[in-house]
């Protein structure tokens, strides 16, 4: 299964957000067996969104791994430090579980 994550990011803190995600979040996520597949940015006149997709073996694993990631002491300290120095760049974060339908091209690869 897949998880789509969408973050609305303060445009003024875009560089700080990318520095944190690239240099810290990805590294800590990998420690907890996250499997990032792709990362994107999306812009409108007013907003910047940061979008990425993760692959998970099942929902239980996804929930457990997110819980340990969010409780990681290093991650908590990195977020605290950024909030005190530059302010939190993420305005809102949402996630969706994506389950391929039988006729999706990805299903053809995954389901023989």
C-alpha atoms as a PDB file:
ATOM      1  CA  UNK A   1       0.000   0.000   0.000  1.00  0.00           C
ATOM      2  CA  UNK A   2       1.002   3.591  -0.477  1.00  0.00           C
ATOM      3  CA  UNK A   3       0.726   6.719   1.606  1.00  0.00           C
ATOM      4  CA  UNK A   4       0.505  10.186   0.112  1.00  0.00           C
ATOM      5  CA  UNK A   5       1.698  12.978   2.417  1.00  0.00           C
ATOM      6  CA  UNK A   6       0.865  16.615   1.660  1.00  0.00           C
ATOM      7  CA  UNK A   7       2.357  19.493   3.635  1.00  0.00           C
ATOM      8  CA  UNK A   8       1.310  23.086   3.227  1.00  0.00           C
ATOM      9  CA  UNK A   9       4.570  24.970   3.773  1.00  0.00           C
ATOM     10  CA  UNK A  10       5.173  28.625   4.551  1.00  0.00           C
ATOM     11  CA  UNK A  11       6.814  29.923   1.340  1.00  0.00           C
ATOM     12  CA  UNK A  12       9.127  32.165   3.359  1.00  0.00           C
ATOM     13  CA  UNK A  13      10.504  29.100   5.161  1.00  0.00           C
ATOM     14  CA  UNK A  14      10.800  26.886   2.070  1.00  0.00           C
ATOM     15  CA  UNK A  15      14.599  26.553   2.210  1.00  0.00           C
ATOM     16  CA  UNK A  16      14.607  25.770   5.938  1.00  0.00           C
ATOM     17  CA  UNK A  17      11.897  23.158   5.397  1.00  0.00           C
ATOM     18  CA  UNK A  18      13.861  21.465   2.584  1.00  0.00           C
ATOM     19  CA  UNK A  19      17.044  21.506   4.653  1.00  0.00           C
ATOM     20  CA  UNK A  20      15.227  19.800   7.538  1.00  0.00           C
ATOM     21  CA  UNK A  21      13.493  17.222   5.353  1.00  0.00           C
ATOM     22  CA  UNK A  22      16.520  16.388   3.172  1.00  0.00           C
ATOM     23  CA  UNK A  23      19.137  16.325   5.934  1.00  0.00           C
ATOM     24  CA  UNK A  24      17.141  15.022   8.867  1.00  0.00           C
ATOM     25  CA  UNK A  25      13.637  13.682   8.206  1.00  0.00           C
ATOM     26  CA  UNK A  26      14.636  11.302   5.402  1.00  0.00           C
ATOM     27  CA  UNK A  27      17.584   9.959   7.417  1.00  0.00           C
ATOM     28  CA  UNK A  28      15.481   9.369  10.533  1.00  0.00           C
ATOM     29  CA  UNK A  29      12.622   7.896   8.500  1.00  0.00           C
ATOM     30  CA  UNK A  30      15.010   5.368   6.943  1.00  0.00           C
ATOM     31  CA  UNK A  31      16.079   4.336  10.449  1.00  0.00           C
ATOM     32  CA  UNK A  32      12.446   3.256  10.946  1.00  0.00           C
ATOM     33  CA  UNK A  33      12.171   1.517   7.569  1.00  0.00           C
ATOM     34  CA  UNK A  34      10.150   4.184   5.764  1.00  0.00           C
ATOM     35  CA  UNK A  35      10.272   3.671   2.008  1.00  0.00           C
ATOM     36  CA  UNK A  36      10.006   7.037   0.213  1.00  0.00           C
ATOM     37  CA  UNK A  37       9.203   6.632  -3.486  1.00  0.00           C
ATOM     38  CA  UNK A  38       8.995  10.207  -4.761  1.00  0.00           C
ATOM     39  CA  UNK A  39       8.996  13.811  -3.563  1.00  0.00           C
ATOM     40  CA  UNK A  40       7.414  16.843  -5.252  1.00  0.00           C
ATOM     41  CA  UNK A  41       6.638  20.518  -4.801  1.00  0.00           C
ATOM     42  CA  UNK A  42       3.439  22.129  -5.998  1.00  0.00           C
ATOM     43  CA  UNK A  43       2.816  25.874  -6.194  1.00  0.00           C
ATOM     44  CA  UNK A  44      -0.260  28.038  -6.539  1.00  0.00           C
ATOM     45  CA  UNK A  45      -0.398  31.821  -6.327  1.00  0.00           C
ATOM     46  CA  UNK A  46      -0.834  31.670  -2.558  1.00  0.00           C
ATOM     47  CA  UNK A  47       0.559  28.344  -1.385  1.00  0.00           C
ATOM     48  CA  UNK A  48       3.419  25.945  -1.595  1.00  0.00           C
ATOM     49  CA  UNK A  49       2.777  22.259  -1.043  1.00  0.00           C
ATOM     50  CA  UNK A  50       5.378  19.609  -0.434  1.00  0.00           C
ATOM     51  CA  UNK A  51       4.139  16.177  -1.483  1.00  0.00           C
ATOM     52  CA  UNK A  52       5.744  12.787  -1.103  1.00  0.00           C
ATOM     53  CA  UNK A  53       4.757   9.151  -1.402  1.00  0.00           C
ATOM     54  CA  UNK A  54       5.719   6.271   0.855  1.00  0.00           C
ATOM     55  CA  UNK A  55       5.308   2.550   0.315  1.00  0.00           C
ATOM     56  CA  UNK A  56       4.255   0.283   3.212  1.00  0.00           C
ATOM     57  CA  UNK A  57       3.697  -3.470   3.491  1.00  0.00           C
ATOM     58  CA  UNK A  58       0.459  -2.937   5.461  1.00  0.00           C
ATOM     59  CA  UNK A  59      -1.490  -0.408   7.536  1.00  0.00           C
ATOM     60  CA  UNK A  60      -0.322  -1.787  10.896  1.00  0.00           C
ATOM     61  CA  UNK A  61       3.333  -1.327   9.954  1.00  0.00           C
ATOM     62  CA  UNK A  62       2.619   2.187   8.729  1.00  0.00           C
ATOM     63  CA  UNK A  63       0.936   3.155  12.002  1.00  0.00           C
ATOM     64  CA  UNK A  64       3.674   1.604  14.172  1.00  0.00           C
ATOM     65  CA  UNK A  65       6.513   3.181  12.220  1.00  0.00           C
ATOM     66  CA  UNK A  66       4.916   6.635  12.252  1.00  0.00           C
ATOM     67  CA  UNK A  67       4.475   6.357  16.026  1.00  0.00           C
ATOM     68  CA  UNK A  68       8.154   5.538  16.618  1.00  0.00           C
ATOM     69  CA  UNK A  69       9.312   8.200  14.138  1.00  0.00           C
ATOM     70  CA  UNK A  70       7.216  10.923  15.795  1.00  0.00           C
ATOM     71  CA  UNK A  71       8.520   9.849  19.227  1.00  0.00           C
ATOM     72  CA  UNK A  72      12.167   9.858  18.102  1.00  0.00           C
ATOM     73  CA  UNK A  73      14.115  12.105  20.494  1.00  0.00           C
ATOM     74  CA  UNK A  74      16.420  13.427  17.775  1.00  0.00           C
ATOM     75  CA  UNK A  75      13.464  14.323  15.522  1.00  0.00           C
ATOM     76  CA  UNK A  76      11.669  16.061  18.391  1.00  0.00           C
ATOM     77  CA  UNK A  77      14.793  18.112  19.159  1.00  0.00           C
ATOM     78  CA  UNK A  78      15.353  19.052  15.492  1.00  0.00           C
ATOM     79  CA  UNK A  79      11.765  20.305  15.227  1.00  0.00           C
ATOM     80  CA  UNK A  80      12.007  22.159  18.546  1.00  0.00           C
ATOM     81  CA  UNK A  81      15.253  23.844  17.543  1.00  0.00           C
ATOM     82  CA  UNK A  82      13.880  24.953  14.169  1.00  0.00           C
ATOM     83  CA  UNK A  83      10.689  26.270  15.741  1.00  0.00           C
ATOM     84  CA  UNK A  84      12.723  28.397  18.158  1.00  0.00           C
ATOM     85  CA  UNK A  85      15.189  29.650  15.520  1.00  0.00           C
ATOM     86  CA  UNK A  86      13.076  30.232  12.417  1.00  0.00           C
ATOM     87  CA  UNK A  87       9.541  29.158  13.291  1.00  0.00           C
ATOM     88  CA  UNK A  88       7.770  25.987  12.179  1.00  0.00           C
ATOM     89  CA  UNK A  89       7.633  25.914   8.352  1.00  0.00           C
ATOM     90  CA  UNK A  90       4.765  23.412   8.101  1.00  0.00           C
ATOM     91  CA  UNK A  91       1.356  25.068   8.246  1.00  0.00           C
ATOM     92  CA  UNK A  92      -0.651  21.877   7.814  1.00  0.00           C
ATOM     93  CA  UNK A  93       0.139  18.210   7.152  1.00  0.00           C
ATOM     94  CA  UNK A  94      -2.259  15.615   5.800  1.00  0.00           C
ATOM     95  CA  UNK A  95      -1.867  12.017   4.753  1.00  0.00           C
ATOM     96  CA  UNK A  96      -3.884   9.594   2.707  1.00  0.00           C
ATOM     97  CA  UNK A  97      -3.590   5.849   2.322  1.00  0.00           C
ATOM     98  CA  UNK A  98      -3.706   4.887  -1.350  1.00  0.00           C
ATOM     99  CA  UNK A  99      -4.752   1.358  -2.253  1.00  0.00           C
ATOM    100  CA  UNK A 100      -4.313   0.443  -5.930  1.00  0.00           C
ATOM    101  CA  UNK A 101      -7.394  -0.759  -7.785  1.00  0.00           C
ATOM    102  CA  UNK A 102      -7.115  -3.959  -9.783  1.00  0.00           C
ATOM    103  CA  UNK A 103      -6.746  -2.178 -13.137  1.00  0.00           C
ATOM    104  CA  UNK A 104      -4.102   0.298 -11.958  1.00  0.00           C
ATOM    105  CA  UNK A 105      -0.781  -0.139 -13.772  1.00  0.00           C
ATOM    106  CA  UNK A 106       0.908  -0.452 -10.374  1.00  0.00           C
ATOM    107  CA  UNK A 107      -1.402  -3.372  -9.543  1.00  0.00           C
ATOM    108  CA  UNK A 108      -0.182  -5.189 -12.623  1.00  0.00           C
ATOM    109  CA  UNK A 109       3.357  -4.981 -11.292  1.00  0.00           C
ATOM    110  CA  UNK A 110       2.429  -5.989  -7.744  1.00  0.00           C
ATOM    111  CA  UNK A 111      -0.255  -8.595  -8.376  1.00  0.00           C
ATOM    112  CA  UNK A 112       0.701 -11.283 -10.894  1.00  0.00           C
END
